[in-house]
Amino acid sequence: MELYLQGYKESAIAFELKINITTVRYHKRKIQEKFGTNTFIEAVVKAIKSKMIEI
């Protein structure tokens, strides 16, 4: 999430972490599921509100 907040796109995150872009998308989906949201942005908002991440 932190890289997304810094403005990184999926491809840049994959490059930075040296993983496949499908792995980035998989984890993004899992984060959404964990927060029970329909979009990744909603999950980010919930994480910020619950103070799991800071902006």
PDB file of N, CA and C in Angstrom:
ATOM      1  N   MET A   1       0.812  -1.192   0.000  1.00  0.00           N
ATOM      2  CA  MET A   1       0.000   0.000   0.000  1.00  0.00           C
ATOM      3  C   MET A   1       0.857   1.258   0.000  1.00  0.00           C
ATOM      4  N   GLU A   2       1.940   1.197   0.698  1.00  0.00           N
ATOM      5  CA  GLU A   2       2.779   2.394   0.799  1.00  0.00           C
ATOM      6  C   GLU A   2       3.299   2.847  -0.568  1.00  0.00           C
ATOM      7  N   LEU A   3       3.660   1.897  -1.408  1.00  0.00           N
ATOM      8  CA  LEU A   3       4.143   2.271  -2.738  1.00  0.00           C
ATOM      9  C   LEU A   3       3.019   2.877  -3.570  1.00  0.00           C
ATOM     10  N   TYR A   4       1.805   2.359  -3.416  1.00  0.00           N
ATOM     11  CA  TYR A   4       0.659   2.964  -4.107  1.00  0.00           C
ATOM     12  C   TYR A   4       0.458   4.392  -3.638  1.00  0.00           C
ATOM     13  N   LEU A   5       0.571   4.608  -2.335  1.00  0.00           N
ATOM     14  CA  LEU A   5       0.406   5.952  -1.789  1.00  0.00           C
ATOM     15  C   LEU A   5       1.491   6.903  -2.285  1.00  0.00           C
ATOM     16  N   GLN A   6       2.643   6.355  -2.628  1.00  0.00           N
ATOM     17  CA  GLN A   6       3.731   7.175  -3.161  1.00  0.00           C
ATOM     18  C   GLN A   6       3.562   7.425  -4.659  1.00  0.00           C
ATOM     19  N   GLY A   7       2.496   6.868  -5.251  1.00  0.00           N
ATOM     20  CA  GLY A   7       2.208   7.116  -6.654  1.00  0.00           C
ATOM     21  C   GLY A   7       2.719   6.065  -7.617  1.00  0.00           C
ATOM     22  N   TYR A   8       3.249   4.969  -7.101  1.00  0.00           N
ATOM     23  CA  TYR A   8       3.749   3.902  -7.964  1.00  0.00           C
ATOM     24  C   TYR A   8       2.584   3.190  -8.650  1.00  0.00           C
ATOM     25  N   LYS A   9       2.761   2.827  -9.896  1.00  0.00           N
ATOM     26  CA  LYS A   9       1.809   2.003 -10.639  1.00  0.00           C
ATOM     27  C   LYS A   9       2.158   0.536 -10.398  1.00  0.00           C
ATOM     28  N   GLU A  10       1.241  -0.351 -10.756  1.00  0.00           N
ATOM     29  CA  GLU A  10       1.464  -1.785 -10.542  1.00  0.00           C
ATOM     30  C   GLU A  10       2.781  -2.257 -11.145  1.00  0.00           C
ATOM     31  N   SER A  11       3.071  -1.831 -12.355  1.00  0.00           N
ATOM     32  CA  SER A  11       4.301  -2.279 -13.024  1.00  0.00           C
ATOM     33  C   SER A  11       5.543  -1.781 -12.292  1.00  0.00           C
ATOM     34  N   ALA A  12       5.487  -0.557 -11.780  1.00  0.00           N
ATOM     35  CA  ALA A  12       6.631  -0.007 -11.045  1.00  0.00           C
ATOM     36  C   ALA A  12       6.817  -0.717  -9.711  1.00  0.00           C
ATOM     37  N   ILE A  13       5.708  -1.073  -9.073  1.00  0.00           N
ATOM     38  CA  ILE A  13       5.790  -1.819  -7.805  1.00  0.00           C
ATOM     39  C   ILE A  13       6.427  -3.177  -8.063  1.00  0.00           C
ATOM     40  N   ALA A  14       5.987  -3.847  -9.117  1.00  0.00           N
ATOM     41  CA  ALA A  14       6.558  -5.153  -9.461  1.00  0.00           C
ATOM     42  C   ALA A  14       8.055  -5.036  -9.721  1.00  0.00           C
ATOM     43  N   PHE A  15       8.451  -4.019 -10.456  1.00  0.00           N
ATOM     44  CA  PHE A  15       9.867  -3.811 -10.746  1.00  0.00           C
ATOM     45  C   PHE A  15      10.648  -3.535  -9.471  1.00  0.00           C
ATOM     46  N   GLU A  16      10.127  -2.647  -8.636  1.00  0.00           N
ATOM     47  CA  GLU A  16      10.800  -2.259  -7.394  1.00  0.00           C
ATOM     48  C   GLU A  16      10.985  -3.452  -6.446  1.00  0.00           C
ATOM     49  N   LEU A  17       9.949  -4.291  -6.356  1.00  0.00           N
ATOM     50  CA  LEU A  17       9.995  -5.437  -5.437  1.00  0.00           C
ATOM     51  C   LEU A  17      10.549  -6.702  -6.083  1.00  0.00           C
ATOM     52  N   LYS A  18      10.854  -6.592  -7.388  1.00  0.00           N
ATOM     53  CA  LYS A  18      11.398  -7.727  -8.148  1.00  0.00           C
ATOM     54  C   LYS A  18      10.447  -8.932  -8.124  1.00  0.00           C
ATOM     55  N   ILE A  19       9.163  -8.636  -8.364  1.00  0.00           N
ATOM     56  CA  ILE A  19       8.150  -9.678  -8.445  1.00  0.00           C
ATOM     57  C   ILE A  19       7.346  -9.466  -9.725  1.00  0.00           C
ATOM     58  N   ASN A  20       6.546 -10.459 -10.078  1.00  0.00           N
ATOM     59  CA  ASN A  20       5.716 -10.390 -11.265  1.00  0.00           C
ATOM     60  C   ASN A  20       4.518  -9.483 -11.008  1.00  0.00           C
ATOM     61  N   ILE A  21       4.044  -8.810 -12.037  1.00  0.00           N
ATOM     62  CA  ILE A  21       2.899  -7.908 -11.888  1.00  0.00           C
ATOM     63  C   ILE A  21       1.642  -8.664 -11.449  1.00  0.00           C
ATOM     64  N   THR A  22       1.521  -9.932 -11.839  1.00  0.00           N
ATOM     65  CA  THR A  22       0.358 -10.710 -11.394  1.00  0.00           C
ATOM     66  C   THR A  22       0.402 -10.942  -9.889  1.00  0.00           C
ATOM     67  N   THR A  23       1.583 -11.011  -9.330  1.00  0.00           N
ATOM     68  CA  THR A  23       1.727 -11.135  -7.881  1.00  0.00           C
ATOM     69  C   THR A  23       1.266  -9.861  -7.192  1.00  0.00           C
ATOM     70  N   VAL A  24       1.581  -8.723  -7.767  1.00  0.00           N
ATOM     71  CA  VAL A  24       1.125  -7.436  -7.227  1.00  0.00           C
ATOM     72  C   VAL A  24      -0.396  -7.403  -7.228  1.00  0.00           C
ATOM     73  N   ARG A  25      -0.999  -7.797  -8.331  1.00  0.00           N
ATOM     74  CA  ARG A  25      -2.461  -7.790  -8.453  1.00  0.00           C
ATOM     75  C   ARG A  25      -3.103  -8.772  -7.483  1.00  0.00           C
ATOM     76  N   TYR A  26      -2.479  -9.923  -7.302  1.00  0.00           N
ATOM     77  CA  TYR A  26      -2.978 -10.933  -6.354  1.00  0.00           C
ATOM     78  C   TYR A  26      -3.026 -10.351  -4.939  1.00  0.00           C
ATOM     79  N   HIS A  27      -1.945  -9.730  -4.519  1.00  0.00           N
ATOM     80  CA  HIS A  27      -1.887  -9.177  -3.167  1.00  0.00           C
ATOM     81  C   HIS A  27      -2.850  -8.001  -3.007  1.00  0.00           C
ATOM     82  N   LYS A  28      -3.015  -7.255  -4.055  1.00  0.00           N
ATOM     83  CA  LYS A  28      -3.968  -6.154  -4.038  1.00  0.00           C
ATOM     84  C   LYS A  28      -5.390  -6.692  -3.790  1.00  0.00           C
ATOM     85  N   ARG A  29      -5.758  -7.769  -4.491  1.00  0.00           N
ATOM     86  CA  ARG A  29      -7.062  -8.412  -4.299  1.00  0.00           C
ATOM     87  C   ARG A  29      -7.213  -8.951  -2.885  1.00  0.00           C
ATOM     88  N   LYS A  30      -6.147  -9.561  -2.371  1.00  0.00           N
ATOM     89  CA  LYS A  30      -6.197 -10.129  -1.019  1.00  0.00           C
ATOM     90  C   LYS A  30      -6.379  -9.040   0.037  1.00  0.00           C
ATOM     91  N   ILE A  31      -5.756  -7.896  -0.161  1.00  0.00           N
ATOM     92  CA  ILE A  31      -5.924  -6.763   0.752  1.00  0.00           C
ATOM     93  C   ILE A  31      -7.379  -6.308   0.730  1.00  0.00           C
ATOM     94  N   GLN A  32      -7.967  -6.214  -0.466  1.00  0.00           N
ATOM     95  CA  GLN A  32      -9.371  -5.833  -0.584  1.00  0.00           C
ATOM     96  C   GLN A  32     -10.256  -6.817   0.164  1.00  0.00           C
ATOM     97  N   GLU A  33     -10.007  -8.097  -0.007  1.00  0.00           N
ATOM     98  CA  GLU A  33     -10.790  -9.128   0.675  1.00  0.00           C
ATOM     99  C   GLU A  33     -10.663  -8.994   2.190  1.00  0.00           C
ATOM    100  N   LYS A  34      -9.448  -8.773   2.651  1.00  0.00           N
ATOM    101  CA  LYS A  34      -9.206  -8.672   4.091  1.00  0.00           C
ATOM    102  C   LYS A  34      -9.972  -7.504   4.709  1.00  0.00           C
ATOM    103  N   PHE A  35     -10.045  -6.389   3.983  1.00  0.00           N
ATOM    104  CA  PHE A  35     -10.765  -5.216   4.477  1.00  0.00           C
ATOM    105  C   PHE A  35     -12.252  -5.265   4.130  1.00  0.00           C
ATOM    106  N   GLY A  36     -12.662  -6.233   3.325  1.00  0.00           N
ATOM    107  CA  GLY A  36     -14.065  -6.366   2.950  1.00  0.00           C
ATOM    108  C   GLY A  36     -14.556  -5.218   2.082  1.00  0.00           C
ATOM    109  N   THR A  37     -13.715  -4.785   1.151  1.00  0.00           N
ATOM    110  CA  THR A  37     -14.059  -3.657   0.283  1.00  0.00           C
ATOM    111  C   THR A  37     -14.173  -4.118  -1.166  1.00  0.00           C
ATOM    112  N   ASN A  38     -14.814  -3.284  -1.967  1.00  0.00           N
ATOM    113  CA  ASN A  38     -14.976  -3.588  -3.390  1.00  0.00           C
ATOM    114  C   ASN A  38     -13.840  -3.034  -4.232  1.00  0.00           C
ATOM    115  N   THR A  39     -13.146  -2.032  -3.711  1.00  0.00           N
ATOM    116  CA  THR A  39     -12.038  -1.436  -4.461  1.00  0.00           C
ATOM    117  C   THR A  39     -10.809  -1.326  -3.567  1.00  0.00           C
ATOM    118  N   PHE A  40      -9.679  -1.226  -4.214  1.00  0.00           N
ATOM    119  CA  PHE A  40      -8.430  -1.088  -3.467  1.00  0.00           C
ATOM    120  C   PHE A  40      -8.374   0.261  -2.754  1.00  0.00           C
ATOM    121  N   ILE A  41      -8.932   1.292  -3.391  1.00  0.00           N
ATOM    122  CA  ILE A  41      -8.946   2.619  -2.770  1.00  0.00           C
ATOM    123  C   ILE A  41      -9.723   2.590  -1.455  1.00  0.00           C
ATOM    124  N   GLU A  42     -10.850   1.882  -1.436  1.00  0.00           N
ATOM    125  CA  GLU A  42     -11.614   1.749  -0.193  1.00  0.00           C
ATOM    126  C   GLU A  42     -10.776   1.066   0.886  1.00  0.00           C
ATOM    127  N   ALA A  43     -10.011   0.071   0.488  1.00  0.00           N
ATOM    128  CA  ALA A  43      -9.143  -0.630   1.436  1.00  0.00           C
ATOM    129  C   ALA A  43      -8.070   0.306   1.976  1.00  0.00           C
ATOM    130  N   VAL A  44      -7.516   1.134   1.118  1.00  0.00           N
ATOM    131  CA  VAL A  44      -6.504   2.105   1.544  1.00  0.00           C
ATOM    132  C   VAL A  44      -7.109   3.084   2.550  1.00  0.00           C
ATOM    133  N   VAL A  45      -8.309   3.563   2.251  1.00  0.00           N
ATOM    134  CA  VAL A  45      -8.980   4.502   3.164  1.00  0.00           C
ATOM    135  C   VAL A  45      -9.210   3.852   4.522  1.00  0.00           C
ATOM    136  N   LYS A  46      -9.673   2.607   4.522  1.00  0.00           N
ATOM    137  CA  LYS A  46      -9.886   1.896   5.795  1.00  0.00           C
ATOM    138  C   LYS A  46      -8.573   1.723   6.556  1.00  0.00           C
ATOM    139  N   ALA A  47      -7.505   1.410   5.837  1.00  0.00           N
ATOM    140  CA  ALA A  47      -6.200   1.242   6.485  1.00  0.00           C
ATOM    141  C   ALA A  47      -5.719   2.552   7.106  1.00  0.00           C
ATOM    142  N   ILE A  48      -5.959   3.651   6.431  1.00  0.00           N
ATOM    143  CA  ILE A  48      -5.572   4.956   6.965  1.00  0.00           C
ATOM    144  C   ILE A  48      -6.412   5.302   8.195  1.00  0.00           C
ATOM    145  N   LYS A  49      -7.725   5.089   8.091  1.00  0.00           N
ATOM    146  CA  LYS A  49      -8.613   5.401   9.214  1.00  0.00           C
ATOM    147  C   LYS A  49      -8.324   4.555  10.443  1.00  0.00           C
ATOM    148  N   SER A  50      -7.912   3.313  10.215  1.00  0.00           N
ATOM    149  CA  SER A  50      -7.601   2.429  11.355  1.00  0.00           C
ATOM    150  C   SER A  50      -6.151   2.599  11.815  1.00  0.00           C
ATOM    151  N   LYS A  51      -5.455   3.560  11.200  1.00  0.00           N
ATOM    152  CA  LYS A  51      -4.080   3.907  11.555  1.00  0.00           C
ATOM    153  C   LYS A  51      -3.089   2.755  11.319  1.00  0.00           C
ATOM    154  N   MET A  52      -3.425   1.890  10.341  1.00  0.00           N
ATOM    155  CA  MET A  52      -2.498   0.821   9.961  1.00  0.00           C
ATOM    156  C   MET A  52      -1.381   1.380   9.094  1.00  0.00           C
ATOM    157  N   ILE A  53      -1.693   2.445   8.339  1.00  0.00           N
ATOM    158  CA  ILE A  53      -0.692   3.130   7.536  1.00  0.00           C
ATOM    159  C   ILE A  53      -0.864   4.633   7.715  1.00  0.00           C
ATOM    160  N   GLU A  54       0.200   5.358   7.499  1.00  0.00           N
ATOM    161  CA  GLU A  54       0.161   6.805   7.609  1.00  0.00           C
ATOM    162  C   GLU A  54       0.418   7.416   6.248  1.00  0.00           C
ATOM    163  N   ILE A  55      -0.153   8.603   6.045  1.00  0.00           N
ATOM    164  CA  ILE A  55       0.091   9.301   4.783  1.00  0.00           C
ATOM    165  C   ILE A  55       0.906  10.547   5.058  1.00  0.00           C
TER     166      ILE A  55
END
